[in-house]
Amino acid sequence: MAKDSVLVDSVFTSAPNSLETIYISAIPALIKAVTISNTTEINAAYTMNIVPSSGDITKPEIPYRVVPRLTADTGAEVVNQVIPAGGTLRVSTTAANSLAFRVTGRILS
């Protein structure tokens, strides 16, 4: 029986308003939980995309979400979504080093 594991562990973006890859899926992965923590004294926003191996982004799964200072968000829109084989999980934030992304999931085989 497959068990959940950490796919992304406290990853921060390095540049504002830049789409950055935080996870690459060699085989399909089911997202089970997401936490986005704002560790700063400013409000920050993010977008999150699940991108297939073709690289085509049709629309963000989470188009724009503000996380107030010193709080967290659950990223509920991507829970139970599958990152396809060769696909990526990409995020963009309004401020570099402001939001910590943690994702747990199950590798599907």
PDB file of N, CA and C in Angstrom:
ATOM      1  N   MET A   1       0.840  -1.180   0.000  1.00  0.00           N
ATOM      2  CA  MET A   1       0.000   0.000   0.000  1.00  0.00           C
ATOM      3  C   MET A   1       0.887   1.247   0.000  1.00  0.00           C
ATOM      4  N   ALA A   2       0.577   2.168  -0.876  1.00  0.00           N
ATOM      5  CA  ALA A   2       1.355   3.410  -0.951  1.00  0.00           C
ATOM      6  C   ALA A   2       1.056   4.280   0.257  1.00  0.00           C
ATOM      7  N   LYS A   3       2.072   5.025   0.687  1.00  0.00           N
ATOM      8  CA  LYS A   3       1.850   5.934   1.810  1.00  0.00           C
ATOM      9  C   LYS A   3       2.250   7.348   1.408  1.00  0.00           C
ATOM     10  N   ASP A   4       1.734   8.303   2.165  1.00  0.00           N
ATOM     11  CA  ASP A   4       2.033   9.701   1.876  1.00  0.00           C
ATOM     12  C   ASP A   4       3.471  10.035   2.239  1.00  0.00           C
ATOM     13  N   SER A   5       4.047  10.967   1.488  1.00  0.00           N
ATOM     14  CA  SER A   5       5.398  11.436   1.779  1.00  0.00           C
ATOM     15  C   SER A   5       5.479  12.922   1.461  1.00  0.00           C
ATOM     16  N   VAL A   6       6.525  13.553   1.956  1.00  0.00           N
ATOM     17  CA  VAL A   6       6.728  14.973   1.696  1.00  0.00           C
ATOM     18  C   VAL A   6       7.298  15.119   0.289  1.00  0.00           C
ATOM     19  N   LEU A   7       6.606  15.884  -0.546  1.00  0.00           N
ATOM     20  CA  LEU A   7       7.078  16.150  -1.905  1.00  0.00           C
ATOM     21  C   LEU A   7       7.875  17.445  -1.962  1.00  0.00           C
ATOM     22  N   VAL A   8       7.439  18.448  -1.192  1.00  0.00           N
ATOM     23  CA  VAL A   8       8.087  19.758  -1.137  1.00  0.00           C
ATOM     24  C   VAL A   8       8.168  20.137   0.328  1.00  0.00           C
ATOM     25  N   ASP A   9       9.367  20.454   0.811  1.00  0.00           N
ATOM     26  CA  ASP A   9       9.541  20.743   2.232  1.00  0.00           C
ATOM     27  C   ASP A   9      10.099  22.147   2.452  1.00  0.00           C
ATOM     28  N   SER A  10       9.232  23.081   2.768  1.00  0.00           N
ATOM     29  CA  SER A  10       9.603  24.463   3.101  1.00  0.00           C
ATOM     30  C   SER A  10      10.471  25.120   2.030  1.00  0.00           C
ATOM     31  N   VAL A  11       9.978  25.121   0.813  1.00  0.00           N
ATOM     32  CA  VAL A  11      10.670  25.766  -0.302  1.00  0.00           C
ATOM     33  C   VAL A  11      10.174  27.199  -0.438  1.00  0.00           C
ATOM     34  N   PHE A  12      11.095  28.138  -0.600  1.00  0.00           N
ATOM     35  CA  PHE A  12      10.784  29.544  -0.832  1.00  0.00           C
ATOM     36  C   PHE A  12      11.110  29.891  -2.278  1.00  0.00           C
ATOM     37  N   THR A  13      10.415  30.871  -2.843  1.00  0.00           N
ATOM     38  CA  THR A  13      10.769  31.361  -4.176  1.00  0.00           C
ATOM     39  C   THR A  13      11.931  32.335  -4.038  1.00  0.00           C
ATOM     40  N   SER A  14      12.723  32.445  -5.094  1.00  0.00           N
ATOM     41  CA  SER A  14      13.914  33.291  -5.022  1.00  0.00           C
ATOM     42  C   SER A  14      13.730  34.659  -5.673  1.00  0.00           C
ATOM     43  N   ALA A  15      12.669  34.826  -6.467  1.00  0.00           N
ATOM     44  CA  ALA A  15      12.453  36.108  -7.152  1.00  0.00           C
ATOM     45  C   ALA A  15      10.954  36.409  -7.182  1.00  0.00           C
ATOM     46  N   PRO A  16      10.574  37.663  -7.009  1.00  0.00           N
ATOM     47  CA  PRO A  16       9.154  37.999  -7.064  1.00  0.00           C
ATOM     48  C   PRO A  16       8.609  37.926  -8.486  1.00  0.00           C
ATOM     49  N   ASN A  17       7.333  37.549  -8.579  1.00  0.00           N
ATOM     50  CA  ASN A  17       6.608  37.536  -9.860  1.00  0.00           C
ATOM     51  C   ASN A  17       7.284  36.707 -10.941  1.00  0.00           C
ATOM     52  N   SER A  18       7.929  35.637 -10.529  1.00  0.00           N
ATOM     53  CA  SER A  18       8.603  34.730 -11.448  1.00  0.00           C
ATOM     54  C   SER A  18       8.081  33.318 -11.194  1.00  0.00           C
ATOM     55  N   LEU A  19       7.626  32.636 -12.239  1.00  0.00           N
ATOM     56  CA  LEU A  19       7.107  31.287 -12.091  1.00  0.00           C
ATOM     57  C   LEU A  19       8.267  30.324 -11.861  1.00  0.00           C
ATOM     58  N   GLU A  20       8.301  29.693 -10.687  1.00  0.00           N
ATOM     59  CA  GLU A  20       9.406  28.815 -10.312  1.00  0.00           C
ATOM     60  C   GLU A  20       8.907  27.402 -10.041  1.00  0.00           C
ATOM     61  N   THR A  21       9.683  26.414 -10.477  1.00  0.00           N
ATOM     62  CA  THR A  21       9.348  25.007 -10.254  1.00  0.00           C
ATOM     63  C   THR A  21       9.746  24.608  -8.846  1.00  0.00           C
ATOM     64  N   ILE A  22       8.773  24.048  -8.098  1.00  0.00           N
ATOM     65  CA  ILE A  22       9.099  23.562  -6.750  1.00  0.00           C
ATOM     66  C   ILE A  22       9.045  22.042  -6.656  1.00  0.00           C
ATOM     67  N   TYR A  23       8.499  21.380  -7.695  1.00  0.00           N
ATOM     68  CA  TYR A  23       8.463  19.917  -7.697  1.00  0.00           C
ATOM     69  C   TYR A  23       8.397  19.416  -9.135  1.00  0.00           C
ATOM     70  N   ILE A  24       9.183  18.372  -9.429  1.00  0.00           N
ATOM     71  CA  ILE A  24       9.154  17.697 -10.727  1.00  0.00           C
ATOM     72  C   ILE A  24       8.747  16.254 -10.464  1.00  0.00           C
ATOM     73  N   SER A  25       7.714  15.798 -11.159  1.00  0.00           N
ATOM     74  CA  SER A  25       7.177  14.466 -10.935  1.00  0.00           C
ATOM     75  C   SER A  25       7.686  13.487 -11.990  1.00  0.00           C
ATOM     76  N   ALA A  26       8.508  12.535 -11.573  1.00  0.00           N
ATOM     77  CA  ALA A  26       8.989  11.514 -12.502  1.00  0.00           C
ATOM     78  C   ALA A  26       7.852  10.565 -12.881  1.00  0.00           C
ATOM     79  N   ILE A  27       7.020  10.232 -11.897  1.00  0.00           N
ATOM     80  CA  ILE A  27       5.811   9.443 -12.122  1.00  0.00           C
ATOM     81  C   ILE A  27       4.660  10.203 -11.467  1.00  0.00           C
ATOM     82  N   PRO A  28       3.417   9.917 -11.826  1.00  0.00           N
ATOM     83  CA  PRO A  28       2.310  10.698 -11.284  1.00  0.00           C
ATOM     84  C   PRO A  28       2.311  10.748  -9.751  1.00  0.00           C
ATOM     85  N   ALA A  29       1.934  11.918  -9.226  1.00  0.00           N
ATOM     86  CA  ALA A  29       1.863  12.114  -7.775  1.00  0.00           C
ATOM     87  C   ALA A  29       0.538  12.777  -7.418  1.00  0.00           C
ATOM     88  N   LEU A  30      -0.149  12.225  -6.449  1.00  0.00           N
ATOM     89  CA  LEU A  30      -1.411  12.770  -5.962  1.00  0.00           C
ATOM     90  C   LEU A  30      -1.116  13.700  -4.793  1.00  0.00           C
ATOM     91  N   ILE A  31      -1.557  14.949  -4.897  1.00  0.00           N
ATOM     92  CA  ILE A  31      -1.340  15.915  -3.822  1.00  0.00           C
ATOM     93  C   ILE A  31      -2.350  15.643  -2.714  1.00  0.00           C
ATOM     94  N   LYS A  32      -1.869  15.451  -1.496  1.00  0.00           N
ATOM     95  CA  LYS A  32      -2.748  15.151  -0.359  1.00  0.00           C
ATOM     96  C   LYS A  32      -2.925  16.344   0.583  1.00  0.00           C
ATOM     97  N   ALA A  33      -1.922  17.185   0.733  1.00  0.00           N
ATOM     98  CA  ALA A  33      -2.025  18.355   1.610  1.00  0.00           C
ATOM     99  C   ALA A  33      -1.021  19.410   1.173  1.00  0.00           C
ATOM    100  N   VAL A  34      -1.413  20.672   1.377  1.00  0.00           N
ATOM    101  CA  VAL A  34      -0.551  21.796   1.022  1.00  0.00           C
ATOM    102  C   VAL A  34      -0.625  22.813   2.155  1.00  0.00           C
ATOM    103  N   THR A  35       0.520  23.369   2.508  1.00  0.00           N
ATOM    104  CA  THR A  35       0.564  24.484   3.455  1.00  0.00           C
ATOM    105  C   THR A  35       1.480  25.555   2.881  1.00  0.00           C
ATOM    106  N   ILE A  36       0.963  26.779   2.834  1.00  0.00           N
ATOM    107  CA  ILE A  36       1.758  27.918   2.397  1.00  0.00           C
ATOM    108  C   ILE A  36       1.823  28.860   3.585  1.00  0.00           C
ATOM    109  N   SER A  37       3.009  29.010   4.165  1.00  0.00           N
ATOM    110  CA  SER A  37       3.183  29.816   5.370  1.00  0.00           C
ATOM    111  C   SER A  37       3.857  31.130   5.046  1.00  0.00           C
ATOM    112  N   ASN A  38       3.256  32.217   5.522  1.00  0.00           N
ATOM    113  CA  ASN A  38       3.861  33.541   5.364  1.00  0.00           C
ATOM    114  C   ASN A  38       4.669  33.816   6.622  1.00  0.00           C
ATOM    115  N   THR A  39       5.969  33.850   6.475  1.00  0.00           N
ATOM    116  CA  THR A  39       6.872  33.983   7.615  1.00  0.00           C
ATOM    117  C   THR A  39       7.351  35.418   7.815  1.00  0.00           C
ATOM    118  N   THR A  40       6.699  36.360   7.124  1.00  0.00           N
ATOM    119  CA  THR A  40       7.179  37.741   7.145  1.00  0.00           C
ATOM    120  C   THR A  40       6.174  38.678   7.807  1.00  0.00           C
ATOM    121  N   GLU A  41       6.548  39.934   7.882  1.00  0.00           N
ATOM    122  CA  GLU A  41       5.690  40.980   8.444  1.00  0.00           C
ATOM    123  C   GLU A  41       4.880  41.704   7.374  1.00  0.00           C
ATOM    124  N   ILE A  42       4.898  41.191   6.136  1.00  0.00           N
ATOM    125  CA  ILE A  42       4.127  41.805   5.052  1.00  0.00           C
ATOM    126  C   ILE A  42       3.132  40.785   4.495  1.00  0.00           C
ATOM    127  N   ASN A  43       2.071  41.264   3.891  1.00  0.00           N
ATOM    128  CA  ASN A  43       1.164  40.378   3.173  1.00  0.00           C
ATOM    129  C   ASN A  43       1.851  39.956   1.885  1.00  0.00           C
ATOM    130  N   ALA A  44       1.639  38.725   1.482  1.00  0.00           N
ATOM    131  CA  ALA A  44       2.222  38.231   0.231  1.00  0.00           C
ATOM    132  C   ALA A  44       1.171  37.391  -0.480  1.00  0.00           C
ATOM    133  N   ALA A  45       1.267  37.332  -1.798  1.00  0.00           N
ATOM    134  CA  ALA A  45       0.315  36.562  -2.594  1.00  0.00           C
ATOM    135  C   ALA A  45       1.071  35.535  -3.434  1.00  0.00           C
ATOM    136  N   TYR A  46       0.336  34.512  -3.871  1.00  0.00           N
ATOM    137  CA  TYR A  46       0.951  33.481  -4.714  1.00  0.00           C
ATOM    138  C   TYR A  46      -0.043  32.976  -5.738  1.00  0.00           C
ATOM    139  N   THR A  47       0.485  32.354  -6.785  1.00  0.00           N
ATOM    140  CA  THR A  47      -0.285  31.547  -7.726  1.00  0.00           C
ATOM    141  C   THR A  47       0.369  30.172  -7.756  1.00  0.00           C
ATOM    142  N   MET A  48      -0.398  29.152  -8.107  1.00  0.00           N
ATOM    143  CA  MET A  48       0.142  27.797  -8.173  1.00  0.00           C
ATOM    144  C   MET A  48      -0.399  27.113  -9.421  1.00  0.00           C
ATOM    145  N   ASN A  49       0.502  26.467 -10.165  1.00  0.00           N
ATOM    146  CA  ASN A  49       0.153  25.781 -11.399  1.00  0.00           C
ATOM    147  C   ASN A  49       0.648  24.345 -11.361  1.00  0.00           C
ATOM    148  N   ILE A  50      -0.192  23.441 -11.855  1.00  0.00           N
ATOM    149  CA  ILE A  50       0.249  22.084 -12.171  1.00  0.00           C
ATOM    150  C   ILE A  50       0.449  22.079 -13.679  1.00  0.00           C
ATOM    151  N   VAL A  51       1.685  21.818 -14.098  1.00  0.00           N
ATOM    152  CA  VAL A  51       2.034  21.947 -15.515  1.00  0.00           C
ATOM    153  C   VAL A  51       2.389  20.568 -16.072  1.00  0.00           C
ATOM    154  N   PRO A  52       1.738  20.139 -17.170  1.00  0.00           N
ATOM    155  CA  PRO A  52       2.066  18.853 -17.773  1.00  0.00           C
ATOM    156  C   PRO A  52       3.458  18.866 -18.403  1.00  0.00           C
ATOM    157  N   SER A  53       3.932  17.705 -18.799  1.00  0.00           N
ATOM    158  CA  SER A  53       5.279  17.602 -19.374  1.00  0.00           C
ATOM    159  C   SER A  53       5.436  18.427 -20.645  1.00  0.00           C
ATOM    160  N   SER A  54       4.342  18.719 -21.340  1.00  0.00           N
ATOM    161  CA  SER A  54       4.414  19.547 -22.551  1.00  0.00           C
ATOM    162  C   SER A  54       4.804  20.983 -22.226  1.00  0.00           C
ATOM    163  N   GLY A  55       4.623  21.374 -20.942  1.00  0.00           N
ATOM    164  CA  GLY A  55       4.966  22.725 -20.528  1.00  0.00           C
ATOM    165  C   GLY A  55       3.858  23.735 -20.756  1.00  0.00           C
ATOM    166  N   ASP A  56       2.741  23.285 -21.330  1.00  0.00           N
ATOM    167  CA  ASP A  56       1.631  24.197 -21.604  1.00  0.00           C
ATOM    168  C   ASP A  56       0.856  24.508 -20.324  1.00  0.00           C
ATOM    169  N   ILE A  57       0.790  25.790 -19.990  1.00  0.00           N
ATOM    170  CA  ILE A  57       0.011  26.227 -18.838  1.00  0.00           C
ATOM    171  C   ILE A  57      -1.306  26.777 -19.365  1.00  0.00           C
ATOM    172  N   THR A  58      -2.406  26.133 -18.996  1.00  0.00           N
ATOM    173  CA  THR A  58      -3.701  26.613 -19.479  1.00  0.00           C
ATOM    174  C   THR A  58      -4.283  27.639 -18.513  1.00  0.00           C
ATOM    175  N   LYS A  59      -4.299  27.318 -17.241  1.00  0.00           N
ATOM    176  CA  LYS A  59      -4.764  28.251 -16.222  1.00  0.00           C
ATOM    177  C   LYS A  59      -4.189  27.806 -14.885  1.00  0.00           C
ATOM    178  N   PRO A  60      -3.975  28.730 -13.966  1.00  0.00           N
ATOM    179  CA  PRO A  60      -3.469  28.325 -12.661  1.00  0.00           C
ATOM    180  C   PRO A  60      -4.552  27.606 -11.853  1.00  0.00           C
ATOM    181  N   GLU A  61      -4.155  26.596 -11.115  1.00  0.00           N
ATOM    182  CA  GLU A  61      -5.089  25.920 -10.211  1.00  0.00           C
ATOM    183  C   GLU A  61      -5.478  26.877  -9.084  1.00  0.00           C
ATOM    184  N   ILE A  62      -4.520  27.675  -8.633  1.00  0.00           N
ATOM    185  CA  ILE A  62      -4.786  28.727  -7.664  1.00  0.00           C
ATOM    186  C   ILE A  62      -4.345  30.024  -8.341  1.00  0.00           C
ATOM    187  N   PRO A  63      -5.293  30.824  -8.853  1.00  0.00           N
ATOM    188  CA  PRO A  63      -4.927  31.974  -9.668  1.00  0.00           C
ATOM    189  C   PRO A  63      -4.279  33.123  -8.906  1.00  0.00           C
ATOM    190  N   TYR A  64      -4.725  33.441  -7.720  1.00  0.00           N
ATOM    191  CA  TYR A  64      -4.123  34.530  -6.955  1.00  0.00           C
ATOM    192  C   TYR A  64      -4.680  34.464  -5.549  1.00  0.00           C
ATOM    193  N   ARG A  65      -3.814  34.258  -4.597  1.00  0.00           N
ATOM    194  CA  ARG A  65      -4.262  34.135  -3.211  1.00  0.00           C
ATOM    195  C   ARG A  65      -3.350  34.954  -2.329  1.00  0.00           C
ATOM    196  N   VAL A  66      -3.921  35.814  -1.503  1.00  0.00           N
ATOM    197  CA  VAL A  66      -3.153  36.613  -0.543  1.00  0.00           C
ATOM    198  C   VAL A  66      -3.062  35.834   0.764  1.00  0.00           C
ATOM    199  N   VAL A  67      -1.849  35.767   1.301  1.00  0.00           N
ATOM    200  CA  VAL A  67      -1.620  35.162   2.607  1.00  0.00           C
ATOM    201  C   VAL A  67      -1.171  36.301   3.530  1.00  0.00           C
ATOM    202  N   PRO A  68      -2.035  36.711   4.463  1.00  0.00           N
ATOM    203  CA  PRO A  68      -1.656  37.806   5.357  1.00  0.00           C
ATOM    204  C   PRO A  68      -0.401  37.474   6.168  1.00  0.00           C
ATOM    205  N   ARG A  69       0.265  38.509   6.606  1.00  0.00           N
ATOM    206  CA  ARG A  69       1.513  38.338   7.358  1.00  0.00           C
ATOM    207  C   ARG A  69       1.325  37.389   8.535  1.00  0.00           C
ATOM    208  N   LEU A  70       2.323  36.548   8.750  1.00  0.00           N
ATOM    209  CA  LEU A  70       2.392  35.602   9.863  1.00  0.00           C
ATOM    210  C   LEU A  70       1.187  34.670   9.961  1.00  0.00           C
ATOM    211  N   THR A  71       0.639  34.288   8.795  1.00  0.00           N
ATOM    212  CA  THR A  71      -0.450  33.311   8.753  1.00  0.00           C
ATOM    213  C   THR A  71      -0.118  32.239   7.718  1.00  0.00           C
ATOM    214  N   ALA A  72      -1.061  31.333   7.490  1.00  0.00           N
ATOM    215  CA  ALA A  72      -0.847  30.256   6.518  1.00  0.00           C
ATOM    216  C   ALA A  72      -2.114  30.030   5.702  1.00  0.00           C
ATOM    217  N   ASP A  73      -1.940  29.359   4.565  1.00  0.00           N
ATOM    218  CA  ASP A  73      -3.040  29.009   3.679  1.00  0.00           C
ATOM    219  C   ASP A  73      -2.934  27.515   3.378  1.00  0.00           C
ATOM    220  N   THR A  74      -4.067  26.884   3.052  1.00  0.00           N
ATOM    221  CA  THR A  74      -4.063  25.439   2.806  1.00  0.00           C
ATOM    222  C   THR A  74      -3.981  25.034   1.346  1.00  0.00           C
ATOM    223  N   GLY A  75      -4.091  25.974   0.415  1.00  0.00           N
ATOM    224  CA  GLY A  75      -4.015  25.613  -1.002  1.00  0.00           C
ATOM    225  C   GLY A  75      -5.006  24.542  -1.389  1.00  0.00           C
ATOM    226  N   ALA A  76      -6.226  24.635  -0.853  1.00  0.00           N
ATOM    227  CA  ALA A  76      -7.233  23.580  -1.010  1.00  0.00           C
ATOM    228  C   ALA A  76      -7.535  23.219  -2.458  1.00  0.00           C
ATOM    229  N   GLU A  77      -7.390  24.150  -3.381  1.00  0.00           N
ATOM    230  CA  GLU A  77      -7.727  23.880  -4.783  1.00  0.00           C
ATOM    231  C   GLU A  77      -6.861  22.793  -5.416  1.00  0.00           C
ATOM    232  N   VAL A  78      -5.668  22.574  -4.920  1.00  0.00           N
ATOM    233  CA  VAL A  78      -4.806  21.558  -5.531  1.00  0.00           C
ATOM    234  C   VAL A  78      -4.823  20.219  -4.795  1.00  0.00           C
ATOM    235  N   VAL A  79      -5.439  20.180  -3.620  1.00  0.00           N
ATOM    236  CA  VAL A  79      -5.530  18.913  -2.886  1.00  0.00           C
ATOM    237  C   VAL A  79      -6.377  17.933  -3.699  1.00  0.00           C
ATOM    238  N   ASN A  80      -5.890  16.707  -3.802  1.00  0.00           N
ATOM    239  CA  ASN A  80      -6.487  15.618  -4.586  1.00  0.00           C
ATOM    240  C   ASN A  80      -6.323  15.797  -6.095  1.00  0.00           C
ATOM    241  N   GLN A  81      -5.478  16.714  -6.521  1.00  0.00           N
ATOM    242  CA  GLN A  81      -5.124  16.839  -7.939  1.00  0.00           C
ATOM    243  C   GLN A  81      -3.863  16.001  -8.194  1.00  0.00           C
ATOM    244  N   VAL A  82      -3.707  15.556  -9.426  1.00  0.00           N
ATOM    245  CA  VAL A  82      -2.549  14.737  -9.793  1.00  0.00           C
ATOM    246  C   VAL A  82      -1.561  15.558 -10.610  1.00  0.00           C
ATOM    247  N   ILE A  83      -0.298  15.493 -10.218  1.00  0.00           N
ATOM    248  CA  ILE A  83       0.784  16.040 -11.040  1.00  0.00           C
ATOM    249  C   ILE A  83       1.171  14.897 -11.980  1.00  0.00           C
ATOM    250  N   PRO A  84       0.998  15.062 -13.287  1.00  0.00           N
ATOM    251  CA  PRO A  84       1.262  13.951 -14.200  1.00  0.00           C
ATOM    252  C   PRO A  84       2.753  13.624 -14.317  1.00  0.00           C
ATOM    253  N   ALA A  85       3.035  12.433 -14.819  1.00  0.00           N
ATOM    254  CA  ALA A  85       4.425  12.035 -15.049  1.00  0.00           C
ATOM    255  C   ALA A  85       5.109  13.069 -15.931  1.00  0.00           C
ATOM    256  N   GLY A  86       6.270  13.514 -15.510  1.00  0.00           N
ATOM    257  CA  GLY A  86       7.002  14.526 -16.251  1.00  0.00           C
ATOM    258  C   GLY A  86       6.488  15.936 -16.017  1.00  0.00           C
ATOM    259  N   GLY A  87       5.434  16.061 -15.237  1.00  0.00           N
ATOM    260  CA  GLY A  87       4.852  17.364 -14.946  1.00  0.00           C
ATOM    261  C   GLY A  87       5.553  18.045 -13.778  1.00  0.00           C
ATOM    262  N   THR A  88       5.189  19.297 -13.561  1.00  0.00           N
ATOM    263  CA  THR A  88       5.803  20.072 -12.490  1.00  0.00           C
ATOM    264  C   THR A  88       4.731  20.821 -11.693  1.00  0.00           C
ATOM    265  N   LEU A  89       5.111  21.195 -10.489  1.00  0.00           N
ATOM    266  CA  LEU A  89       4.315  22.095  -9.663  1.00  0.00           C
ATOM    267  C   LEU A  89       5.084  23.402  -9.636  1.00  0.00           C
ATOM    268  N   ARG A  90       4.435  24.480 -10.108  1.00  0.00           N
ATOM    269  CA  ARG A  90       5.118  25.771 -10.215  1.00  0.00           C
ATOM    270  C   ARG A  90       4.352  26.829  -9.436  1.00  0.00           C
ATOM    271  N   VAL A  91       5.104  27.741  -8.818  1.00  0.00           N
ATOM    272  CA  VAL A  91       4.500  28.818  -8.039  1.00  0.00           C
ATOM    273  C   VAL A  91       5.151  30.148  -8.390  1.00  0.00           C
ATOM    274  N   SER A  92       4.398  31.201  -8.120  1.00  0.00           N
ATOM    275  CA  SER A  92       4.908  32.554  -8.238  1.00  0.00           C
ATOM    276  C   SER A  92       4.435  33.311  -7.005  1.00  0.00           C
ATOM    277  N   THR A  93       5.291  34.163  -6.451  1.00  0.00           N
ATOM    278  CA  THR A  93       4.918  34.956  -5.284  1.00  0.00           C
ATOM    279  C   THR A  93       5.180  36.437  -5.557  1.00  0.00           C
ATOM    280  N   THR A  94       4.505  37.273  -4.784  1.00  0.00           N
ATOM    281  CA  THR A  94       4.693  38.717  -4.967  1.00  0.00           C
ATOM    282  C   THR A  94       5.933  39.234  -4.253  1.00  0.00           C
ATOM    283  N   ALA A  95       6.502  38.426  -3.367  1.00  0.00           N
ATOM    284  CA  ALA A  95       7.713  38.830  -2.641  1.00  0.00           C
ATOM    285  C   ALA A  95       8.609  37.610  -2.465  1.00  0.00           C
ATOM    286  N   ALA A  96       9.859  37.726  -2.852  1.00  0.00           N
ATOM    287  CA  ALA A  96      10.810  36.618  -2.706  1.00  0.00           C
ATOM    288  C   ALA A  96      11.010  36.284  -1.230  1.00  0.00           C
ATOM    289  N   ASN A  97      11.253  35.023  -0.955  1.00  0.00           N
ATOM    290  CA  ASN A  97      11.553  34.538   0.401  1.00  0.00           C
ATOM    291  C   ASN A  97      10.488  34.916   1.422  1.00  0.00           C
ATOM    292  N   SER A  98       9.230  34.980   0.990  1.00  0.00           N
ATOM    293  CA  SER A  98       8.165  35.361   1.909  1.00  0.00           C
ATOM    294  C   SER A  98       7.238  34.203   2.257  1.00  0.00           C
ATOM    295  N   LEU A  99       7.022  33.301   1.325  1.00  0.00           N
ATOM    296  CA  LEU A  99       6.099  32.195   1.542  1.00  0.00           C
ATOM    297  C   LEU A  99       6.840  30.862   1.479  1.00  0.00           C
ATOM    298  N   ALA A 100       6.615  30.023   2.485  1.00  0.00           N
ATOM    299  CA  ALA A 100       7.212  28.687   2.520  1.00  0.00           C
ATOM    300  C   ALA A 100       6.163  27.683   2.038  1.00  0.00           C
ATOM    301  N   PHE A 101       6.515  26.891   1.025  1.00  0.00           N
ATOM    302  CA  PHE A 101       5.601  25.915   0.447  1.00  0.00           C
ATOM    303  C   PHE A 101       5.956  24.516   0.948  1.00  0.00           C
ATOM    304  N   ARG A 102       4.940  23.817   1.460  1.00  0.00           N
ATOM    305  CA  ARG A 102       5.103  22.425   1.877  1.00  0.00           C
ATOM    306  C   ARG A 102       3.961  21.622   1.252  1.00  0.00           C
ATOM    307  N   VAL A 103       4.324  20.531   0.579  1.00  0.00           N
ATOM    308  CA  VAL A 103       3.341  19.699  -0.105  1.00  0.00           C
ATOM    309  C   VAL A 103       3.606  18.246   0.266  1.00  0.00           C
ATOM    310  N   THR A 104       2.546  17.559   0.673  1.00  0.00           N
ATOM    311  CA  THR A 104       2.654  16.114   0.879  1.00  0.00           C
ATOM    312  C   THR A 104       1.777  15.433  -0.143  1.00  0.00           C
ATOM    313  N   GLY A 105       2.148  14.212  -0.479  1.00  0.00           N
ATOM    314  CA  GLY A 105       1.378  13.504  -1.480  1.00  0.00           C
ATOM    315  C   GLY A 105       1.718  12.032  -1.523  1.00  0.00           C
ATOM    316  N   ARG A 106       1.139  11.382  -2.496  1.00  0.00           N
ATOM    317  CA  ARG A 106       1.325   9.940  -2.680  1.00  0.00           C
ATOM    318  C   ARG A 106       1.779   9.711  -4.107  1.00  0.00           C
ATOM    319  N   ILE A 107       2.893   9.017  -4.234  1.00  0.00           N
ATOM    320  CA  ILE A 107       3.397   8.645  -5.565  1.00  0.00           C
ATOM    321  C   ILE A 107       2.507   7.515  -6.083  1.00  0.00           C
ATOM    322  N   LEU A 108       1.983   7.695  -7.285  1.00  0.00           N
ATOM    323  CA  LEU A 108       1.081   6.693  -7.878  1.00  0.00           C
ATOM    324  C   LEU A 108       1.880   5.805  -8.808  1.00  0.00           C
ATOM    325  N   SER A 109       1.794   4.508  -8.600  1.00  0.00           N
ATOM    326  CA  SER A 109       2.542   3.604  -9.478  1.00  0.00           C
ATOM    327  C   SER A 109       1.662   2.475  -9.951  1.00  0.00           C
TER     328      SER A 109
END
